[in-house]
Amino acid sequence: MDTRTLLTTDLAALIHPLHHPADHQAPVVFVSGQGAVLRDADGHEYLDGLSSLWNVNAGHGRTELAEAAAAQMRNLAFASAYTGYTNPPAIRLAERLLRVAYPNLSGVYFTTAGAESNETAFKIVRYFWRRQGRPGKTKVISRIHGYHGVTMAAMSATGIPSFHTMFQPVVPGFTHVVPSYPYRYPGSGAAALEEAIMREGPDTVAAFIAEPVIGAGGVIPPTPDYFPAVREICDRHHVLFIADEIITGFGRTGRWFALDHWGVQPDLVTFAKGVTSAYLPLGGVMVSRRVHEAIVQAPMSERFMHAATYSGHPTCCAVGLANLDIFEREQLVERGAAMGARLQQKAQSLRPLPIVGDVRGLGLMCGIELVADKATKAPALQVGGKILGEARRRGLITRIRTGQAGAHPIGDTICLAPPLVVSEAQIDRMIEILRESITAVA
């Protein structure tokens, strides 16, 4: 089909994520990519400012990953990994992930996506506490502005009201607290977690889930004391700590996993996105030895009755292994740290612009929050989309966190998270495009 026919068919047949026709009048038809660059059907090139959806960590055009998938498919495209069956790629990938993750982790359950990983984690914490003889511990505390996916339980944990509006009621048992967000909330924010645990009752709270750096909710890194305090509070009240590292894992912040910046180890880690650099869908949950033992030492009557058809998918796991080979051979985690430092430095040059309230981030994650008034920090609303349009015309594709007013305000926030292979010149150009685009709209 030519581009016009493709778009006509798209409008007639395809329902997109976050769909509304007003946002889909002139969509870009992507057809190829290389490194940190995407190309559309008309031959235009764009810098990929968000690794597409925070996930093409190793960059576009990696034929090695395509070849890994093809080689595995020629031998065994799929076979069940339900108990009693297994396959070499799943075994090898589990072992390699544990080698680069936190040292207290010992077991991996594979999923196909981030939201499924978080849904699985919520079930695992319920399972764990039932195995401990404490079935009343079922509640999950998450954070305002946090994003954990939009399946039912994951949506309920997500602290962005716009995702709830047309799908209410949310799943019972989820409570939100303010995050560590220095620009808008004083102090570290960890006290809010303890207050919520005491209010709900420690005997009812199963887990706390948090992104080490809030991603889609506005790229909000914590104060340095936040996660050490969270770990201590969770330990003292017997609450499991789930680290949602779906965005922050696999080099995004300059470490394999982001809590390493603060010397903290979680009880569960949910991951996806960068594990295959998006070349095939794959996610999972890594669990601590204590949680792992609750699963493997259970009597038959309390077996782990959780499952998914594609858990341990051999082709997806083979691509994950090849992706890790690239990471190690090209030292992409270290490159993420170096390029991340440049991104943070260059982005600060946007701070003097009249509608820029805050510029923040960690590694190759950066958020530029827009305000209507710098002095009052009143959030700028409905301007981010215009800036994205200007940026697209100048050759940059990225996304925004749509702002909100009310009790927990945030201005429209431009999010940047380019592939780890991005060059210095490409980072510099991204920032220059944003400067031009913000200035044009302001």
Protein backbone atom coordinates (compact mmCIF):
# COMPACT_ATOMS: atom_id res chain seq x y z
CA MET A 1 0.00 0.00 0.00
CA ASP A 2 1.09 3.59 -0.56
CA THR A 3 1.15 5.91 2.46
CA ARG A 4 -2.25 7.45 1.75
CA THR A 5 -3.92 4.04 1.47
CA LEU A 6 -2.18 2.88 4.63
CA LEU A 7 -3.48 5.85 6.59
CA THR A 8 -7.02 5.43 5.26
CA THR A 9 -6.97 1.78 6.31
CA ASP A 10 -5.44 2.70 9.67
CA LEU A 11 -8.21 5.17 10.44
CA ALA A 12 -10.85 2.62 9.45
CA ALA A 13 -9.49 -0.48 11.16
CA LEU A 14 -6.90 0.15 13.86
CA ILE A 15 -7.58 1.20 17.46
CA HIS A 16 -4.40 2.70 18.91
CA PRO A 17 -3.22 2.92 22.52
CA LEU A 18 -4.56 6.10 24.19
CA HIS A 19 -6.80 6.49 21.15
CA HIS A 20 -8.63 9.64 20.14
CA PRO A 21 -9.24 10.69 16.53
CA ALA A 22 -8.25 14.28 17.29
CA ASP A 23 -4.72 13.11 18.05
CA HIS A 24 -4.52 10.88 14.98
CA GLN A 25 -5.29 13.08 12.02
CA ALA A 26 -1.79 13.04 10.53
CA PRO A 27 0.10 10.14 12.10
CA VAL A 28 3.70 9.40 11.17
CA VAL A 29 4.13 6.05 9.41
CA PHE A 30 7.47 4.71 10.62
CA VAL A 31 9.16 2.24 8.26
CA SER A 32 12.80 1.94 9.38
CA GLY A 33 15.35 3.00 11.94
CA GLN A 34 19.06 3.05 12.64
CA GLY A 35 20.69 3.85 15.95
CA ALA A 36 18.83 6.83 17.43
CA VAL A 37 17.11 7.77 14.14
CA LEU A 38 13.66 6.81 12.82
CA ARG A 39 12.49 7.17 9.20
CA ASP A 40 8.95 7.53 7.95
CA ALA A 41 7.26 6.35 4.77
CA ASP A 42 7.97 9.67 3.06
CA GLY A 43 11.70 9.51 3.74
CA HIS A 44 11.81 12.03 6.59
CA GLU A 45 14.22 11.32 9.44
CA TYR A 46 13.58 11.97 13.13
CA LEU A 47 15.72 11.74 16.23
CA ASP A 48 14.11 9.18 18.53
CA GLY A 49 13.96 11.18 21.73
CA LEU A 50 12.23 8.52 23.81
CA SER A 51 13.71 5.26 22.53
CA SER A 52 10.22 4.95 20.97
CA LEU A 53 8.54 4.06 24.30
CA TRP A 54 11.53 4.10 26.67
CA ASN A 55 12.51 0.67 25.36
CA VAL A 56 14.80 0.61 22.28
CA ASN A 57 17.85 0.82 24.54
CA ALA A 58 20.37 -0.73 22.13
CA GLY A 59 19.10 1.39 19.24
CA HIS A 60 17.29 0.64 16.00
CA GLY A 61 18.54 -1.55 13.16
CA ARG A 62 20.30 -4.25 15.19
CA THR A 63 20.41 -7.08 12.66
CA GLU A 64 22.12 -9.26 15.27
CA LEU A 65 18.87 -9.35 17.24
CA ALA A 66 16.83 -10.20 14.15
CA GLU A 67 19.25 -13.00 13.38
CA ALA A 68 19.02 -14.33 16.94
CA ALA A 69 15.24 -14.51 16.62
CA ALA A 70 15.43 -16.21 13.21
CA ALA A 71 18.01 -18.76 14.38
CA GLN A 72 15.89 -19.69 17.41
CA MET A 73 12.73 -19.92 15.32
CA ARG A 74 14.39 -22.29 12.89
CA ASN A 75 15.11 -24.67 15.76
CA LEU A 76 12.22 -24.05 18.18
CA ALA A 77 10.00 -21.01 17.83
CA PHE A 78 7.90 -21.86 20.88
CA ALA A 79 7.31 -24.59 23.40
CA SER A 80 5.52 -24.43 26.73
CA ALA A 81 7.60 -23.57 29.78
CA TYR A 82 4.89 -24.66 32.21
CA THR A 83 6.21 -26.70 35.12
CA GLY A 84 7.62 -29.95 33.81
CA TYR A 85 9.00 -28.32 30.64
CA THR A 86 11.75 -25.82 29.90
CA ASN A 87 14.04 -24.55 27.16
CA PRO A 88 17.69 -23.40 26.98
CA PRO A 89 17.15 -19.68 26.18
CA ALA A 90 14.83 -19.20 29.17
CA ILE A 91 17.26 -20.97 31.49
CA ARG A 92 20.28 -19.04 30.26
CA LEU A 93 18.54 -15.66 30.29
CA ALA A 94 17.30 -16.15 33.86
CA GLU A 95 20.84 -16.95 34.98
CA ARG A 96 22.32 -13.92 33.20
CA LEU A 97 19.72 -11.51 34.53
CA LEU A 98 20.43 -12.60 38.09
CA ARG A 99 24.13 -12.06 37.43
CA VAL A 100 23.63 -8.33 36.61
CA ALA A 101 20.76 -7.58 39.02
CA TYR A 102 20.75 -7.02 42.79
CA PRO A 103 22.67 -9.69 44.73
CA ASN A 104 19.73 -10.62 46.98
CA LEU A 105 17.65 -11.86 44.01
CA SER A 106 17.55 -15.53 43.10
CA GLY A 107 14.52 -16.32 40.90
CA VAL A 108 12.98 -15.07 37.64
CA TYR A 109 9.44 -15.43 36.32
CA PHE A 110 9.04 -14.32 32.69
CA THR A 111 6.13 -12.33 31.27
CA THR A 112 5.59 -10.54 27.96
CA ALA A 113 5.20 -6.90 29.09
CA GLY A 114 5.59 -4.42 31.91
CA ALA A 115 1.97 -4.28 33.01
CA GLU A 116 1.85 -8.08 33.11
CA SER A 117 5.01 -8.02 35.19
CA ASN A 118 3.39 -5.72 37.75
CA GLU A 119 0.18 -7.75 37.80
CA THR A 120 2.35 -10.81 38.47
CA ALA A 121 4.24 -9.02 41.26
CA PHE A 122 0.97 -8.13 42.99
CA LYS A 123 -0.04 -11.79 42.93
CA ILE A 124 3.39 -12.91 44.15
CA VAL A 125 3.24 -10.65 47.22
CA ARG A 126 -0.22 -11.99 48.09
CA TYR A 127 1.08 -15.51 47.59
CA PHE A 128 4.11 -14.83 49.80
CA TRP A 129 2.08 -13.50 52.71
CA ARG A 130 -0.40 -16.39 52.51
CA ARG A 131 2.56 -18.76 52.67
CA GLN A 132 3.65 -16.91 55.80
CA GLY A 133 0.23 -17.43 57.37
CA ARG A 134 -0.74 -13.75 56.99
CA PRO A 135 -3.51 -13.75 54.35
CA GLY A 136 -4.79 -10.35 55.48
CA LYS A 137 -1.78 -8.61 53.95
CA THR A 138 -3.17 -7.80 50.50
CA LYS A 139 -3.03 -4.01 50.08
CA VAL A 140 -0.52 -2.26 47.84
CA ILE A 141 0.74 1.28 48.34
CA SER A 142 1.94 3.15 45.26
CA ARG A 143 2.68 6.77 44.45
CA ILE A 144 0.91 9.76 42.93
CA HIS A 145 2.34 10.43 39.44
CA GLY A 146 3.73 6.88 39.25
CA TYR A 147 2.99 4.74 36.19
CA HIS A 148 2.77 0.96 36.41
CA GLY A 149 0.70 0.02 33.35
CA VAL A 150 -3.00 0.11 32.51
CA THR A 151 -4.28 -3.42 32.96
CA MET A 152 -6.73 -3.49 35.86
CA ALA A 153 -4.49 -3.87 38.92
CA ALA A 154 -1.58 -2.04 37.29
CA MET A 155 -3.94 0.80 36.38
CA SER A 156 -5.14 0.91 39.97
CA ALA A 157 -1.54 1.25 41.15
CA THR A 158 -0.86 3.96 38.56
CA GLY A 159 -1.13 7.36 40.19
CA ILE A 160 -2.29 9.37 37.16
CA PRO A 161 -6.05 10.05 37.34
CA SER A 162 -6.60 10.37 33.58
CA PHE A 163 -5.95 6.64 33.20
CA HIS A 164 -8.78 5.86 35.64
CA THR A 165 -11.55 8.13 34.39
CA MET A 166 -13.29 5.89 31.85
CA PHE A 167 -12.43 2.56 33.48
CA GLN A 168 -13.65 3.03 37.04
CA PRO A 169 -14.03 1.56 39.56
CA VAL A 170 -10.40 0.78 40.25
CA VAL A 171 -9.43 -2.46 41.96
CA PRO A 172 -9.86 -2.20 45.75
CA GLY A 173 -6.84 -2.27 48.01
CA PHE A 174 -4.60 0.27 46.28
CA THR A 175 -3.54 3.45 48.10
CA HIS A 176 -1.47 6.33 46.71
CA VAL A 177 1.01 8.54 48.55
CA VAL A 178 3.03 11.54 47.44
CA PRO A 179 6.41 10.67 45.94
CA SER A 180 9.77 12.25 46.53
CA TYR A 181 9.33 15.22 44.16
CA PRO A 182 11.65 18.01 45.30
CA TYR A 183 10.29 20.62 42.89
CA ARG A 184 6.79 20.45 44.37
CA TYR A 185 6.93 18.64 47.74
CA PRO A 186 9.36 19.57 50.55
CA GLY A 187 11.35 16.83 52.25
CA SER A 188 12.09 13.36 50.99
CA GLY A 189 8.53 12.05 50.98
CA ALA A 190 9.34 8.74 52.71
CA ALA A 191 7.31 9.76 55.74
CA ALA A 192 4.19 9.63 53.58
CA LEU A 193 4.75 5.90 53.07
CA GLU A 194 4.97 5.20 56.78
CA GLU A 195 1.87 7.29 57.48
CA ALA A 196 -0.06 5.28 54.89
CA ILE A 197 1.12 1.95 56.33
CA MET A 198 -0.01 2.99 59.81
CA ARG A 199 -3.31 4.37 58.53
CA GLU A 200 -4.13 1.21 56.57
CA GLY A 201 -2.72 -1.08 59.25
CA PRO A 202 0.60 -2.93 58.84
CA ASP A 203 -1.23 -6.26 59.05
CA THR A 204 -3.13 -5.38 55.86
CA VAL A 205 -0.32 -3.96 53.68
CA ALA A 206 1.45 -6.46 51.44
CA ALA A 207 3.76 -4.25 49.40
CA PHE A 208 4.95 -0.84 48.31
CA ILE A 209 5.66 -0.36 44.59
CA ALA A 210 7.74 2.47 43.19
CA GLU A 211 9.76 3.37 40.11
CA PRO A 212 13.28 4.38 41.19
CA VAL A 213 12.79 7.35 38.88
CA ILE A 214 9.18 8.09 37.98
CA GLY A 215 9.17 7.78 34.20
CA ALA A 216 6.01 8.35 32.17
CA GLY A 217 4.59 10.33 35.11
CA GLY A 218 7.06 13.14 34.48
CA VAL A 219 10.67 11.90 34.96
CA ILE A 220 10.88 12.60 38.69
CA PRO A 221 14.06 11.41 40.46
CA PRO A 222 14.02 11.18 44.27
CA THR A 223 16.12 12.91 46.88
CA PRO A 224 19.20 10.83 47.83
CA ASP A 225 17.78 9.81 51.21
CA TYR A 226 14.41 8.63 49.91
CA PHE A 227 14.92 4.98 48.96
CA PRO A 228 17.19 4.11 51.92
CA ALA A 229 14.38 5.42 54.13
CA VAL A 230 11.78 3.46 52.13
CA ARG A 231 13.77 0.25 52.57
CA GLU A 232 13.99 0.78 56.34
CA ILE A 233 10.28 1.56 56.66
CA CYS A 234 9.29 -1.52 54.64
CA ASP A 235 11.56 -3.76 56.73
CA ARG A 236 10.27 -2.38 60.02
CA HIS A 237 6.61 -2.87 59.08
CA HIS A 238 7.08 -6.18 57.21
CA VAL A 239 6.06 -4.76 53.84
CA LEU A 240 7.62 -6.07 50.63
CA PHE A 241 9.25 -3.49 48.35
CA ILE A 242 8.58 -3.88 44.61
CA ALA A 243 10.94 -1.88 42.39
CA ASP A 244 9.26 -1.15 39.07
CA GLU A 245 12.37 -0.99 36.87
CA ILE A 246 10.49 -1.43 33.61
CA ILE A 247 11.88 1.91 32.40
CA THR A 248 14.89 2.36 34.68
CA GLY A 249 16.43 -1.07 34.09
CA PHE A 250 19.07 -2.05 31.54
CA GLY A 251 21.34 0.97 31.54
CA ARG A 252 18.75 3.72 31.34
CA THR A 253 20.14 5.57 34.40
CA GLY A 254 23.78 4.56 33.90
CA ARG A 255 23.51 1.45 36.08
CA TRP A 256 22.11 -1.99 35.21
CA PHE A 257 19.28 -1.27 37.66
CA ALA A 258 18.58 2.11 39.18
CA LEU A 259 18.26 1.44 42.92
CA ASP A 260 21.97 0.70 42.80
CA HIS A 261 22.48 4.49 42.81
CA TRP A 262 21.34 4.50 46.44
CA GLY A 263 22.66 1.14 47.59
CA VAL A 264 19.17 -0.31 48.08
CA GLN A 265 17.98 -3.83 47.26
CA PRO A 266 14.25 -4.52 46.69
CA ASP A 267 12.28 -7.69 47.40
CA LEU A 268 10.91 -7.89 43.86
CA VAL A 269 11.97 -6.23 40.59
CA THR A 270 9.62 -5.91 37.65
CA PHE A 271 11.28 -5.48 34.27
CA ALA A 272 10.49 -5.39 30.53
CA LYS A 273 11.31 -2.89 27.73
CA GLY A 274 15.13 -2.79 27.66
CA VAL A 275 15.59 -6.52 28.31
CA THR A 276 15.20 -7.11 24.55
CA SER A 277 15.58 -3.46 23.51
CA ALA A 278 11.96 -3.89 22.29
CA TYR A 279 12.89 -6.26 19.46
CA LEU A 280 10.42 -8.79 20.88
CA PRO A 281 7.98 -8.46 23.81
CA LEU A 282 9.47 -9.78 27.05
CA GLY A 283 9.22 -8.88 30.72
CA GLY A 284 9.39 -10.51 34.08
CA VAL A 285 9.70 -10.42 37.83
CA MET A 286 12.89 -11.15 39.76
CA VAL A 287 12.38 -12.13 43.38
CA SER A 288 14.55 -12.26 46.49
CA ARG A 289 15.72 -15.52 48.01
CA ARG A 290 13.11 -15.22 50.75
CA VAL A 291 10.27 -14.86 48.26
CA HIS A 292 11.77 -17.51 45.98
CA GLU A 293 11.93 -20.02 48.85
CA ALA A 294 8.24 -19.46 49.60
CA ILE A 295 7.49 -20.65 46.06
CA VAL A 296 9.87 -23.61 45.78
CA GLN A 297 9.25 -24.94 49.29
CA ALA A 298 5.45 -24.83 49.12
CA PRO A 299 3.39 -27.99 49.65
CA MET A 300 1.38 -29.16 46.64
CA SER A 301 -1.81 -27.71 48.14
CA GLU A 302 -0.22 -24.23 48.10
CA ARG A 303 1.58 -24.44 44.76
CA PHE A 304 2.19 -21.28 42.72
CA MET A 305 -0.91 -21.37 40.50
CA HIS A 306 0.04 -18.39 38.35
CA ALA A 307 0.67 -18.86 34.63
CA ALA A 308 0.81 -17.29 31.18
CA THR A 309 1.01 -19.01 27.82
CA TYR A 310 4.15 -17.18 26.72
CA SER A 311 6.14 -17.23 29.96
CA GLY A 312 9.69 -18.29 29.09
CA HIS A 313 9.05 -17.90 25.33
CA PRO A 314 12.23 -19.33 23.76
CA THR A 315 12.46 -16.87 20.86
CA CYS A 316 11.92 -13.82 23.06
CA CYS A 317 14.48 -15.13 25.55
CA ALA A 318 16.99 -15.81 22.75
CA VAL A 319 16.68 -12.17 21.69
CA GLY A 320 17.13 -11.11 25.32
CA LEU A 321 20.38 -13.08 25.47
CA ALA A 322 21.67 -11.50 22.25
CA ASN A 323 20.68 -8.08 23.57
CA LEU A 324 22.72 -8.64 26.74
CA ASP A 325 25.65 -9.69 24.55
CA ILE A 326 25.45 -6.29 22.83
CA PHE A 327 25.22 -4.49 26.18
CA GLU A 328 28.32 -6.20 27.49
CA ARG A 329 30.37 -6.04 24.29
CA GLU A 330 29.64 -2.35 23.66
CA GLN A 331 29.54 -1.37 27.35
CA LEU A 332 26.15 0.24 26.88
CA VAL A 333 25.50 0.67 30.60
CA GLU A 334 28.66 2.72 30.91
CA ARG A 335 27.74 4.59 27.73
CA GLY A 336 24.34 5.34 29.25
CA ALA A 337 26.11 6.96 32.20
CA ALA A 338 28.37 9.06 29.97
CA MET A 339 25.69 10.16 27.52
CA GLY A 340 23.31 10.68 30.43
CA ALA A 341 25.70 13.14 32.02
CA ARG A 342 25.80 15.09 28.77
CA LEU A 343 22.00 15.05 28.45
CA GLN A 344 21.55 16.38 31.99
CA GLN A 345 24.14 19.09 31.44
CA LYS A 346 22.77 20.26 28.11
CA ALA A 347 19.15 20.16 29.26
CA GLN A 348 19.89 22.61 32.07
CA SER A 349 20.40 25.27 29.41
CA LEU A 350 16.60 25.21 28.90
CA ARG A 351 15.94 26.34 32.47
CA PRO A 352 16.02 30.13 31.72
CA LEU A 353 13.21 29.85 29.15
CA PRO A 354 10.09 31.67 30.39
CA ILE A 355 7.78 28.64 30.66
CA VAL A 356 10.35 26.10 31.93
CA GLY A 357 9.88 25.50 35.64
CA ASP A 358 12.11 22.51 36.31
CA VAL A 359 14.70 20.44 34.48
CA ARG A 360 15.51 17.13 36.13
CA GLY A 361 16.57 13.57 35.50
CA LEU A 362 19.07 10.78 35.99
CA GLY A 363 21.20 9.19 33.30
CA LEU A 364 19.42 9.06 29.94
CA MET A 365 16.11 10.16 31.46
CA CYS A 366 15.23 13.83 31.48
CA GLY A 367 12.07 15.80 32.20
CA ILE A 368 11.40 19.45 31.37
CA GLU A 369 8.37 20.63 33.36
CA LEU A 370 6.48 23.61 31.98
CA VAL A 371 4.82 26.24 34.14
CA ALA A 372 2.52 29.18 33.56
CA ASP A 373 4.33 31.16 36.26
CA LYS A 374 7.84 30.46 37.50
CA ALA A 375 7.26 32.16 40.86
CA THR A 376 4.08 30.30 41.81
CA LYS A 377 4.92 27.10 39.88
CA ALA A 378 1.40 27.12 38.46
CA PRO A 379 1.38 24.23 35.98
CA ALA A 380 1.34 24.97 32.27
CA LEU A 381 -1.43 22.91 30.70
CA GLN A 382 -2.24 22.17 27.05
CA VAL A 383 1.04 23.61 25.73
CA GLY A 384 3.14 20.44 25.67
CA GLY A 385 1.31 19.02 22.67
CA LYS A 386 2.01 22.16 20.68
CA ILE A 387 5.70 21.92 21.56
CA LEU A 388 5.77 18.29 20.46
CA GLY A 389 4.26 19.34 17.13
CA GLU A 390 6.96 21.98 16.66
CA ALA A 391 9.64 19.46 17.63
CA ARG A 392 8.33 16.89 15.16
CA ARG A 393 8.48 19.43 12.35
CA ARG A 394 12.10 20.02 13.29
CA GLY A 395 12.97 16.32 13.35
CA LEU A 396 12.49 15.17 16.97
CA ILE A 397 9.99 12.57 18.19
CA THR A 398 9.27 12.33 21.89
CA ARG A 399 6.33 12.41 24.34
CA ILE A 400 4.97 14.49 27.20
CA ARG A 401 3.40 13.80 30.54
CA THR A 402 0.17 15.74 30.30
CA GLY A 403 -0.09 18.15 33.21
CA GLN A 404 -2.78 18.37 35.84
CA ALA A 405 -4.02 20.98 38.28
CA GLY A 406 -5.60 20.36 41.67
CA ALA A 407 -4.20 18.91 44.87
CA HIS A 408 -1.25 17.24 43.15
CA PRO A 409 -0.29 19.54 40.27
CA ILE A 410 2.28 18.92 37.59
CA GLY A 411 2.89 20.97 34.47
CA ASP A 412 3.05 19.47 31.01
CA THR A 413 6.42 17.71 31.11
CA ILE A 414 8.55 16.94 28.07
CA CYS A 415 10.18 13.54 28.51
CA LEU A 416 13.50 12.55 26.94
CA ALA A 417 15.06 9.08 27.03
CA PRO A 418 17.02 8.42 23.84
CA PRO A 419 18.66 5.09 23.00
CA LEU A 420 21.88 4.34 24.86
CA VAL A 421 23.72 4.52 21.53
CA VAL A 422 22.80 8.19 21.03
CA SER A 423 25.73 10.41 20.09
CA GLU A 424 26.81 13.67 21.71
CA ALA A 425 25.85 15.55 18.56
CA GLN A 426 22.38 13.97 18.58
CA ILE A 427 21.84 14.93 22.22
CA ASP A 428 22.92 18.48 21.47
CA ARG A 429 20.52 18.65 18.52
CA MET A 430 17.62 17.30 20.60
CA ILE A 431 18.09 20.06 23.15
CA GLU A 432 18.43 22.69 20.44
CA ILE A 433 15.19 21.51 18.81
CA LEU A 434 13.41 21.72 22.15
CA ARG A 435 14.76 25.22 22.71
CA GLU A 436 13.44 26.32 19.33
CA SER A 437 10.10 24.56 19.87
CA ILE A 438 9.49 25.91 23.37
CA THR A 439 10.41 29.40 22.22
CA ALA A 440 8.08 29.16 19.23
CA VAL A 441 5.13 28.10 21.39
CA ALA A 442 5.86 30.44 24.29
